[in-house]
N, C-alpha and C. Protein backbone atom coordinates (compact mmCIF):
# COMPACT_ATOMS: atom_id res chain seq x y z
N MET A 1 96.29 83.24 108.63
CA MET A 1 95.30 84.32 108.64
C MET A 1 94.97 84.66 110.09
N ASN A 2 94.93 85.95 110.42
CA ASN A 2 94.66 86.33 111.81
C ASN A 2 93.16 86.38 112.11
N ALA A 3 92.84 86.50 113.39
CA ALA A 3 91.45 86.46 113.84
C ALA A 3 90.61 87.58 113.22
N LEU A 4 91.18 88.77 113.10
CA LEU A 4 90.44 89.90 112.54
C LEU A 4 90.06 89.61 111.08
N THR A 5 91.01 89.19 110.29
CA THR A 5 90.74 88.89 108.87
C THR A 5 89.71 87.78 108.74
N THR A 6 89.86 86.74 109.53
CA THR A 6 88.93 85.61 109.49
C THR A 6 87.50 86.07 109.82
N ARG A 7 87.35 86.87 110.87
CA ARG A 7 86.01 87.32 111.28
C ARG A 7 85.39 88.27 110.26
N VAL A 8 86.19 89.17 109.71
CA VAL A 8 85.66 90.12 108.73
C VAL A 8 85.23 89.38 107.46
N GLN A 9 86.02 88.40 107.03
CA GLN A 9 85.62 87.61 105.86
C GLN A 9 84.33 86.83 106.14
N ALA A 10 84.22 86.29 107.35
CA ALA A 10 83.00 85.55 107.72
C ALA A 10 81.80 86.49 107.76
N LEU A 11 81.99 87.72 108.25
CA LEU A 11 80.90 88.71 108.30
C LEU A 11 80.42 89.02 106.89
N GLN A 12 81.34 89.26 105.98
CA GLN A 12 80.95 89.54 104.59
C GLN A 12 80.22 88.35 103.97
N ALA A 13 80.74 87.15 104.19
CA ALA A 13 80.08 85.96 103.64
C ALA A 13 78.68 85.80 104.20
N LEU A 14 78.52 86.05 105.50
CA LEU A 14 77.21 85.95 106.13
C LEU A 14 76.21 86.89 105.45
N PHE A 15 76.58 88.16 105.29
CA PHE A 15 75.63 89.12 104.74
C PHE A 15 75.45 88.98 103.24
N ARG A 16 76.40 88.40 102.54
CA ARG A 16 76.17 88.05 101.13
C ARG A 16 75.12 86.94 101.05
N HIS A 17 75.20 86.00 101.99
CA HIS A 17 74.19 84.93 102.06
C HIS A 17 72.81 85.52 102.40
N VAL A 18 72.76 86.43 103.36
CA VAL A 18 71.49 87.07 103.73
C VAL A 18 70.91 87.80 102.52
N GLU A 19 71.78 88.48 101.78
CA GLU A 19 71.31 89.20 100.58
C GLU A 19 70.67 88.24 99.57
N SER A 20 71.30 87.09 99.35
CA SER A 20 70.80 86.16 98.32
C SER A 20 69.66 85.28 98.80
N THR A 21 69.36 85.30 100.09
CA THR A 21 68.27 84.46 100.62
C THR A 21 67.17 85.34 101.21
N ARG A 22 67.36 85.80 102.40
CA ARG A 22 66.30 86.55 103.10
C ARG A 22 65.94 87.88 102.44
N MET A 23 66.92 88.51 101.78
CA MET A 23 66.66 89.82 101.17
C MET A 23 66.33 89.72 99.68
N ALA A 24 66.39 88.53 99.11
CA ALA A 24 66.12 88.36 97.67
C ALA A 24 64.73 88.90 97.32
N GLY A 25 64.70 89.80 96.37
CA GLY A 25 63.43 90.34 95.89
C GLY A 25 62.85 91.46 96.73
N VAL A 26 63.48 91.81 97.85
CA VAL A 26 62.97 92.88 98.69
C VAL A 26 63.27 94.22 98.01
N PRO A 27 62.28 95.10 97.87
CA PRO A 27 62.46 96.32 97.08
C PRO A 27 63.36 97.39 97.71
N VAL A 28 63.90 97.18 98.90
CA VAL A 28 64.77 98.20 99.51
C VAL A 28 66.24 98.04 99.10
N LEU A 29 66.54 97.08 98.23
CA LEU A 29 67.93 96.86 97.83
C LEU A 29 68.36 97.86 96.76
N ASN A 30 69.49 98.48 96.98
CA ASN A 30 70.11 99.34 95.98
C ASN A 30 71.05 98.43 95.17
N ARG A 31 70.66 98.07 93.96
CA ARG A 31 71.41 97.12 93.14
C ARG A 31 72.77 97.65 92.69
N ALA A 32 73.05 98.93 92.92
CA ALA A 32 74.37 99.48 92.58
C ALA A 32 75.40 99.17 93.67
N LEU A 33 74.93 98.59 94.79
CA LEU A 33 75.81 98.33 95.93
C LEU A 33 75.98 96.85 96.18
N CYS A 34 77.05 96.50 96.88
CA CYS A 34 77.28 95.12 97.28
C CYS A 34 77.77 95.09 98.74
N VAL A 35 77.80 93.91 99.30
CA VAL A 35 78.26 93.74 100.68
C VAL A 35 79.77 93.97 100.74
N GLU A 36 80.20 94.82 101.67
CA GLU A 36 81.63 95.10 101.84
C GLU A 36 81.89 95.57 103.26
N ALA A 37 82.92 95.00 103.87
CA ALA A 37 83.38 95.45 105.18
C ALA A 37 84.45 96.52 104.98
N VAL A 38 84.32 97.63 105.69
CA VAL A 38 85.23 98.76 105.51
C VAL A 38 85.89 99.13 106.83
N GLY A 39 87.20 99.16 106.84
CA GLY A 39 87.98 99.74 107.93
C GLY A 39 87.90 99.07 109.28
N PHE A 40 87.73 97.78 109.33
CA PHE A 40 87.67 97.11 110.63
C PHE A 40 89.04 97.12 111.29
N GLU A 41 89.08 97.59 112.53
CA GLU A 41 90.30 97.63 113.33
C GLU A 41 89.98 97.18 114.75
N PRO A 42 90.96 96.55 115.40
CA PRO A 42 90.75 96.13 116.80
C PRO A 42 90.47 97.34 117.70
N VAL A 43 89.63 97.11 118.71
CA VAL A 43 89.32 98.14 119.71
C VAL A 43 89.37 97.52 121.09
N ALA A 44 89.54 98.38 122.07
CA ALA A 44 89.51 97.93 123.45
C ALA A 44 88.07 98.01 123.95
N GLY A 45 87.58 96.90 124.46
CA GLY A 45 86.24 96.89 125.04
C GLY A 45 86.32 97.22 126.51
N GLU A 46 85.29 96.87 127.21
CA GLU A 46 85.26 97.08 128.66
C GLU A 46 86.16 96.02 129.32
N PRO A 47 86.63 96.29 130.53
CA PRO A 47 87.48 95.32 131.22
C PRO A 47 86.82 93.94 131.28
N GLY A 48 87.59 92.92 130.95
CA GLY A 48 87.08 91.55 130.97
C GLY A 48 86.33 91.15 129.71
N GLU A 49 86.13 92.06 128.79
CA GLU A 49 85.39 91.77 127.57
C GLU A 49 86.34 91.15 126.53
N ALA A 50 85.82 90.24 125.72
CA ALA A 50 86.61 89.59 124.67
C ALA A 50 87.08 90.63 123.65
N PRO A 51 88.24 90.37 123.01
CA PRO A 51 88.73 91.29 121.97
C PRO A 51 87.69 91.46 120.85
N ALA A 52 87.64 92.66 120.31
CA ALA A 52 86.67 92.97 119.26
C ALA A 52 87.29 93.94 118.25
N ALA A 53 86.56 94.18 117.18
CA ALA A 53 86.96 95.14 116.16
C ALA A 53 85.74 95.99 115.82
N VAL A 54 85.99 97.19 115.32
CA VAL A 54 84.93 98.08 114.88
C VAL A 54 85.22 98.50 113.45
N GLY A 55 84.17 98.54 112.65
CA GLY A 55 84.26 99.00 111.28
C GLY A 55 82.85 99.22 110.76
N VAL A 56 82.74 99.46 109.46
CA VAL A 56 81.44 99.70 108.84
C VAL A 56 81.15 98.55 107.88
N LEU A 57 79.93 98.05 107.95
CA LEU A 57 79.47 97.06 106.97
C LEU A 57 78.50 97.74 106.02
N LEU A 58 78.85 97.68 104.74
CA LEU A 58 77.97 98.18 103.68
C LEU A 58 77.21 97.01 103.10
N THR A 59 75.93 97.20 102.88
CA THR A 59 75.12 96.23 102.16
C THR A 59 74.22 97.01 101.22
N PRO A 60 73.54 96.37 100.30
CA PRO A 60 72.60 97.09 99.44
C PRO A 60 71.39 97.65 100.19
N TRP A 61 71.22 97.28 101.47
CA TRP A 61 70.06 97.77 102.22
C TRP A 61 70.41 98.55 103.48
N PHE A 62 71.67 98.53 103.92
CA PHE A 62 72.07 99.34 105.08
C PHE A 62 73.55 99.61 105.11
N MET A 63 73.92 100.64 105.90
CA MET A 63 75.29 100.92 106.28
C MET A 63 75.27 100.99 107.80
N ASN A 64 75.99 100.05 108.44
CA ASN A 64 76.00 99.98 109.90
C ASN A 64 77.42 100.02 110.44
N LEU A 65 77.56 100.67 111.57
CA LEU A 65 78.77 100.58 112.35
C LEU A 65 78.66 99.26 113.10
N PHE A 66 79.69 98.41 113.05
CA PHE A 66 79.64 97.08 113.66
C PHE A 66 80.67 96.94 114.76
N TRP A 67 80.23 96.34 115.87
CA TRP A 67 81.11 95.89 116.95
C TRP A 67 81.19 94.38 116.76
N LEU A 68 82.37 93.90 116.39
CA LEU A 68 82.53 92.51 115.99
C LEU A 68 83.50 91.78 116.91
N PRO A 69 82.99 90.89 117.79
CA PRO A 69 83.90 90.09 118.62
C PRO A 69 84.83 89.27 117.71
N LEU A 70 86.11 89.20 118.06
CA LEU A 70 87.08 88.50 117.22
C LEU A 70 86.98 86.99 117.34
N GLN A 71 86.31 86.52 118.37
CA GLN A 71 86.06 85.09 118.52
C GLN A 71 84.54 84.89 118.47
N PRO A 72 84.07 83.93 117.69
CA PRO A 72 82.62 83.71 117.62
C PRO A 72 82.04 83.42 119.01
N GLU A 73 80.99 84.12 119.35
CA GLU A 73 80.30 83.91 120.62
C GLU A 73 78.99 83.20 120.33
N ALA A 74 78.85 82.01 120.86
CA ALA A 74 77.67 81.19 120.56
C ALA A 74 76.40 81.68 121.24
N THR A 75 76.52 82.45 122.30
CA THR A 75 75.35 82.87 123.06
C THR A 75 74.46 83.84 122.29
N GLU A 76 73.17 83.67 122.46
CA GLU A 76 72.19 84.58 121.87
C GLU A 76 71.64 85.54 122.93
N ALA A 77 72.28 85.57 124.09
CA ALA A 77 71.77 86.36 125.22
C ALA A 77 71.65 87.84 124.91
N GLY A 78 72.52 88.37 124.04
CA GLY A 78 72.50 89.81 123.77
C GLY A 78 71.62 90.23 122.62
N VAL A 79 70.91 89.32 122.00
CA VAL A 79 70.08 89.66 120.84
C VAL A 79 69.01 90.67 121.25
N GLY A 80 68.96 91.78 120.51
CA GLY A 80 67.98 92.83 120.78
C GLY A 80 68.35 93.77 121.91
N ARG A 81 69.39 93.45 122.64
CA ARG A 81 69.82 94.30 123.75
C ARG A 81 70.53 95.54 123.21
N VAL A 82 70.18 96.70 123.74
CA VAL A 82 70.82 97.95 123.35
C VAL A 82 71.97 98.21 124.32
N ARG A 83 73.12 98.50 123.75
CA ARG A 83 74.31 98.74 124.57
C ARG A 83 74.99 100.01 124.09
N LEU A 84 75.28 100.89 125.02
CA LEU A 84 75.97 102.14 124.72
C LEU A 84 77.46 101.85 124.64
N ARG A 85 78.08 102.16 123.51
CA ARG A 85 79.52 101.95 123.32
C ARG A 85 80.16 103.25 122.87
N ARG A 86 81.34 103.48 123.37
CA ARG A 86 82.09 104.68 123.02
C ARG A 86 83.08 104.33 121.91
N ILE A 87 82.99 105.06 120.81
CA ILE A 87 83.92 104.93 119.70
C ILE A 87 84.54 106.31 119.52
N GLY A 88 85.84 106.41 119.78
CA GLY A 88 86.47 107.72 119.77
C GLY A 88 85.88 108.57 120.88
N ASP A 89 85.41 109.75 120.52
CA ASP A 89 84.82 110.66 121.50
C ASP A 89 83.30 110.64 121.50
N THR A 90 82.71 109.68 120.78
CA THR A 90 81.26 109.65 120.62
C THR A 90 80.69 108.34 121.14
N SER A 91 79.53 108.42 121.77
CA SER A 91 78.83 107.22 122.24
C SER A 91 77.71 106.87 121.27
N PHE A 92 77.57 105.58 121.01
CA PHE A 92 76.55 105.08 120.09
C PHE A 92 75.76 103.97 120.74
N GLU A 93 74.50 103.85 120.34
CA GLU A 93 73.67 102.73 120.79
C GLU A 93 73.80 101.61 119.77
N PHE A 94 74.33 100.49 120.21
CA PHE A 94 74.46 99.30 119.39
C PHE A 94 73.39 98.30 119.80
N ILE A 95 72.85 97.60 118.83
CA ILE A 95 71.84 96.57 119.09
C ILE A 95 72.48 95.20 118.83
N GLY A 96 72.33 94.31 119.80
CA GLY A 96 72.92 92.98 119.70
C GLY A 96 72.20 92.12 118.68
N GLY A 97 73.00 91.35 117.96
CA GLY A 97 72.48 90.41 116.98
C GLY A 97 73.23 89.09 117.08
N HIS A 98 72.69 88.07 116.46
CA HIS A 98 73.32 86.75 116.46
C HIS A 98 72.85 86.00 115.23
N GLU A 99 73.78 85.31 114.59
CA GLU A 99 73.45 84.46 113.45
C GLU A 99 74.03 83.09 113.70
N PRO A 100 73.23 82.03 113.50
CA PRO A 100 73.74 80.67 113.66
C PRO A 100 74.97 80.44 112.77
N GLY A 101 75.97 79.81 113.31
CA GLY A 101 77.19 79.53 112.56
C GLY A 101 78.15 80.70 112.50
N PHE A 102 77.70 81.87 112.89
CA PHE A 102 78.56 83.06 112.90
C PHE A 102 78.80 83.54 114.31
N GLY A 103 77.74 83.67 115.07
CA GLY A 103 77.85 84.14 116.45
C GLY A 103 77.29 85.52 116.64
N ALA A 104 77.68 86.12 117.75
CA ALA A 104 77.15 87.41 118.17
C ALA A 104 77.89 88.58 117.52
N TYR A 105 77.17 89.70 117.43
CA TYR A 105 77.74 90.97 116.96
C TYR A 105 76.82 92.06 117.47
N GLU A 106 77.24 93.30 117.33
CA GLU A 106 76.40 94.45 117.66
C GLU A 106 76.47 95.43 116.50
N ALA A 107 75.35 96.07 116.18
CA ALA A 107 75.29 96.98 115.05
C ALA A 107 74.60 98.29 115.42
N CYS A 108 75.07 99.35 114.78
CA CYS A 108 74.49 100.69 114.96
C CYS A 108 74.21 101.24 113.56
N SER A 109 72.96 101.52 113.27
CA SER A 109 72.57 101.97 111.94
C SER A 109 73.13 103.37 111.62
N LEU A 110 73.76 103.48 110.45
CA LEU A 110 74.23 104.78 109.95
C LEU A 110 73.35 105.27 108.81
N ALA A 111 72.86 104.34 107.99
CA ALA A 111 72.00 104.71 106.86
C ALA A 111 71.18 103.50 106.44
N SER A 112 69.90 103.74 106.13
CA SER A 112 69.03 102.70 105.62
C SER A 112 67.71 103.35 105.21
N PRO A 113 67.20 103.06 104.04
CA PRO A 113 67.78 102.29 102.96
C PRO A 113 68.95 103.05 102.32
N MET A 114 69.54 102.48 101.28
CA MET A 114 70.78 103.00 100.72
C MET A 114 70.60 103.68 99.35
N PHE A 115 69.42 104.16 99.06
CA PHE A 115 69.16 104.75 97.75
C PHE A 115 69.84 106.10 97.53
N ASP A 116 70.36 106.73 98.59
CA ASP A 116 71.06 108.00 98.42
C ASP A 116 72.47 107.82 97.87
N PHE A 117 72.93 106.58 97.75
CA PHE A 117 74.27 106.31 97.25
C PHE A 117 74.20 105.84 95.80
N ALA A 118 74.92 106.55 94.93
CA ALA A 118 74.89 106.25 93.50
C ALA A 118 75.65 104.98 93.16
N ASP A 119 76.72 104.70 93.93
CA ASP A 119 77.54 103.53 93.61
C ASP A 119 78.36 103.11 94.83
N GLN A 120 79.07 102.01 94.67
CA GLN A 120 79.85 101.44 95.77
C GLN A 120 80.97 102.39 96.23
N ASP A 121 81.59 103.07 95.28
CA ASP A 121 82.67 104.00 95.65
C ASP A 121 82.17 105.12 96.56
N GLN A 122 81.00 105.65 96.27
CA GLN A 122 80.42 106.71 97.10
C GLN A 122 80.08 106.18 98.49
N ALA A 123 79.50 105.01 98.57
CA ALA A 123 79.15 104.41 99.87
C ALA A 123 80.41 104.12 100.67
N ARG A 124 81.43 103.57 100.02
CA ARG A 124 82.70 103.26 100.68
C ARG A 124 83.37 104.54 101.19
N ALA A 125 83.37 105.59 100.38
CA ALA A 125 83.97 106.86 100.79
C ALA A 125 83.25 107.43 102.01
N THR A 126 81.94 107.29 102.05
CA THR A 126 81.16 107.75 103.21
C THR A 126 81.53 106.94 104.45
N ALA A 127 81.64 105.63 104.30
CA ALA A 127 82.02 104.77 105.43
C ALA A 127 83.40 105.16 105.95
N ARG A 128 84.34 105.39 105.05
CA ARG A 128 85.69 105.78 105.47
C ARG A 128 85.69 107.15 106.16
N ALA A 129 84.87 108.06 105.67
CA ALA A 129 84.78 109.39 106.29
C ALA A 129 84.22 109.28 107.71
N VAL A 130 83.22 108.44 107.89
CA VAL A 130 82.65 108.22 109.23
C VAL A 130 83.72 107.69 110.17
N LEU A 131 84.45 106.68 109.73
CA LEU A 131 85.49 106.08 110.57
C LEU A 131 86.61 107.08 110.87
N ALA A 132 86.97 107.90 109.90
CA ALA A 132 88.01 108.91 110.12
C ALA A 132 87.58 109.91 111.18
N GLU A 133 86.30 110.26 111.20
CA GLU A 133 85.79 111.18 112.23
C GLU A 133 85.79 110.55 113.61
N LEU A 134 85.57 109.24 113.67
CA LEU A 134 85.45 108.57 114.96
C LEU A 134 86.78 108.17 115.57
N ARG A 135 87.76 107.93 114.74
CA ARG A 135 89.05 107.45 115.25
C ARG A 135 89.98 108.62 115.53
N PRO A 136 90.75 108.50 116.61
CA PRO A 136 91.68 109.58 116.93
C PRO A 136 92.73 109.72 115.84
N ALA A 137 93.12 110.95 115.60
CA ALA A 137 94.15 111.22 114.60
C ALA A 137 95.50 110.71 115.08
N ALA A 138 96.37 110.42 114.13
CA ALA A 138 97.72 109.98 114.48
C ALA A 138 98.43 111.12 115.20
N PRO A 139 99.33 110.80 116.13
CA PRO A 139 100.04 111.86 116.82
C PRO A 139 100.87 112.68 115.83
N PRO A 140 101.04 113.96 116.12
CA PRO A 140 101.78 114.81 115.20
C PRO A 140 103.24 114.35 115.09
N VAL A 141 103.81 114.57 113.89
CA VAL A 141 105.21 114.23 113.66
C VAL A 141 106.08 115.21 114.42
N SER A 142 107.08 114.68 115.10
CA SER A 142 108.01 115.52 115.84
C SER A 142 108.78 116.42 114.89
N LYS A 143 108.83 117.68 115.22
CA LYS A 143 109.54 118.63 114.37
C LYS A 143 110.99 118.79 114.82
N GLY A 144 111.31 118.40 116.01
CA GLY A 144 112.67 118.63 116.50
C GLY A 144 112.88 120.11 116.74
N ARG A 145 114.02 120.44 117.31
CA ARG A 145 114.30 121.83 117.66
C ARG A 145 114.41 122.72 116.44
N ARG A 146 115.15 122.28 115.40
CA ARG A 146 115.31 123.10 114.19
C ARG A 146 113.98 123.23 113.45
N GLY A 147 113.23 122.12 113.39
CA GLY A 147 111.94 122.16 112.72
C GLY A 147 110.98 123.10 113.41
N PHE A 148 111.01 123.08 114.74
CA PHE A 148 110.15 123.98 115.50
C PHE A 148 110.48 125.42 115.16
N LEU A 149 111.78 125.74 115.12
CA LEU A 149 112.21 127.12 114.84
C LEU A 149 111.89 127.54 113.41
N PHE A 150 112.00 126.59 112.45
CA PHE A 150 111.81 126.94 111.05
C PHE A 150 110.49 126.43 110.46
N GLY A 151 109.63 125.83 111.32
CA GLY A 151 108.29 125.42 110.88
C GLY A 151 108.25 124.23 109.95
N ARG A 152 109.19 123.28 110.12
CA ARG A 152 109.14 122.08 109.29
C ARG A 152 109.43 120.85 110.14
N SER A 153 109.01 119.70 109.60
CA SER A 153 109.19 118.44 110.33
C SER A 153 110.63 117.97 110.24
N THR A 154 111.00 117.00 111.06
CA THR A 154 112.34 116.43 111.04
C THR A 154 112.63 115.81 109.68
N ALA A 155 111.64 115.12 109.07
CA ALA A 155 111.82 114.50 107.76
C ALA A 155 112.08 115.56 106.69
N GLU A 156 111.36 116.67 106.75
CA GLU A 156 111.58 117.76 105.80
C GLU A 156 112.99 118.32 105.95
N ALA A 157 113.40 118.56 107.19
CA ALA A 157 114.72 119.12 107.45
C ALA A 157 115.81 118.18 106.94
N ALA A 158 115.66 116.88 107.16
CA ALA A 158 116.65 115.90 106.69
C ALA A 158 116.69 115.89 105.16
N GLY A 159 115.53 115.97 104.52
CA GLY A 159 115.47 115.99 103.07
C GLY A 159 116.14 117.22 102.49
N LYS A 160 115.92 118.37 103.10
CA LYS A 160 116.54 119.61 102.63
C LYS A 160 118.06 119.52 102.79
N ALA A 161 118.51 118.94 103.90
CA ALA A 161 119.94 118.80 104.14
C ALA A 161 120.58 117.91 103.08
N GLU A 162 119.82 116.93 102.55
CA GLU A 162 120.34 116.03 101.52
C GLU A 162 120.02 116.54 100.12
N GLY A 163 119.39 117.68 100.03
CA GLY A 163 119.09 118.29 98.73
C GLY A 163 117.91 117.65 98.01
N ARG A 164 117.00 117.00 98.73
CA ARG A 164 115.82 116.42 98.10
C ARG A 164 114.57 116.99 98.75
N ARG A 165 113.49 116.93 98.01
CA ARG A 165 112.22 117.44 98.52
C ARG A 165 111.45 116.31 99.20
N VAL A 166 110.92 116.58 100.38
CA VAL A 166 110.13 115.60 101.13
C VAL A 166 108.72 116.15 101.25
N HIS A 167 107.74 115.35 100.85
CA HIS A 167 106.34 115.76 100.96
C HIS A 167 105.77 115.32 102.29
N PRO A 168 105.10 116.23 103.01
CA PRO A 168 104.49 115.84 104.29
C PRO A 168 103.37 114.87 104.14
C-alpha cells in the first residue's frame, strides 16, 4: 500500500472516530451523509516542504478541502495557523490542525453544516465538481496534421482508417 492510500484511509478512520465520539448527538449532523475522502491526489508544496496530497473530506457536519502531508507530522506547531495555499489557479486559506496518533493536516471549509445535501451521492458529486474546477485540465489530444485539417483527433482518424468508430 502506498503512502497516499495509507494516509487517506487513516484520515477517514480518524473522522469516523470523531463522528462516533466527539460529534455523537450533536444536532448539526446530516444523518444522510457519512465520512468519505474524495479525489485525493499528490501535489507539489513549497520548496523543502514534505510531500502532500489535496482532496475533499466529506463528513456529516462539513465538507473541507484538505492539505494532507503524506507522512505523519508529530508537531502541533501549525495548529490554528492560517496558511495561504494555491490549488490550481486559486488561493485558499487553510487552517492547521493536528490529531494525536494521526498528525498534522490543513483544512479549508467548503460547506458547513451539510443540510443542503440530500444524500452522499450529491455531496460526493459536489466535491468532485470542486476538484475538477481546481485542477488543471488534461492537455489536449494531438490531432496530427490530417486531424488538424479535417477537425478530428489522431485516434479518430486511425479508427476511421480501420473502419471503426472511435468516441472522443
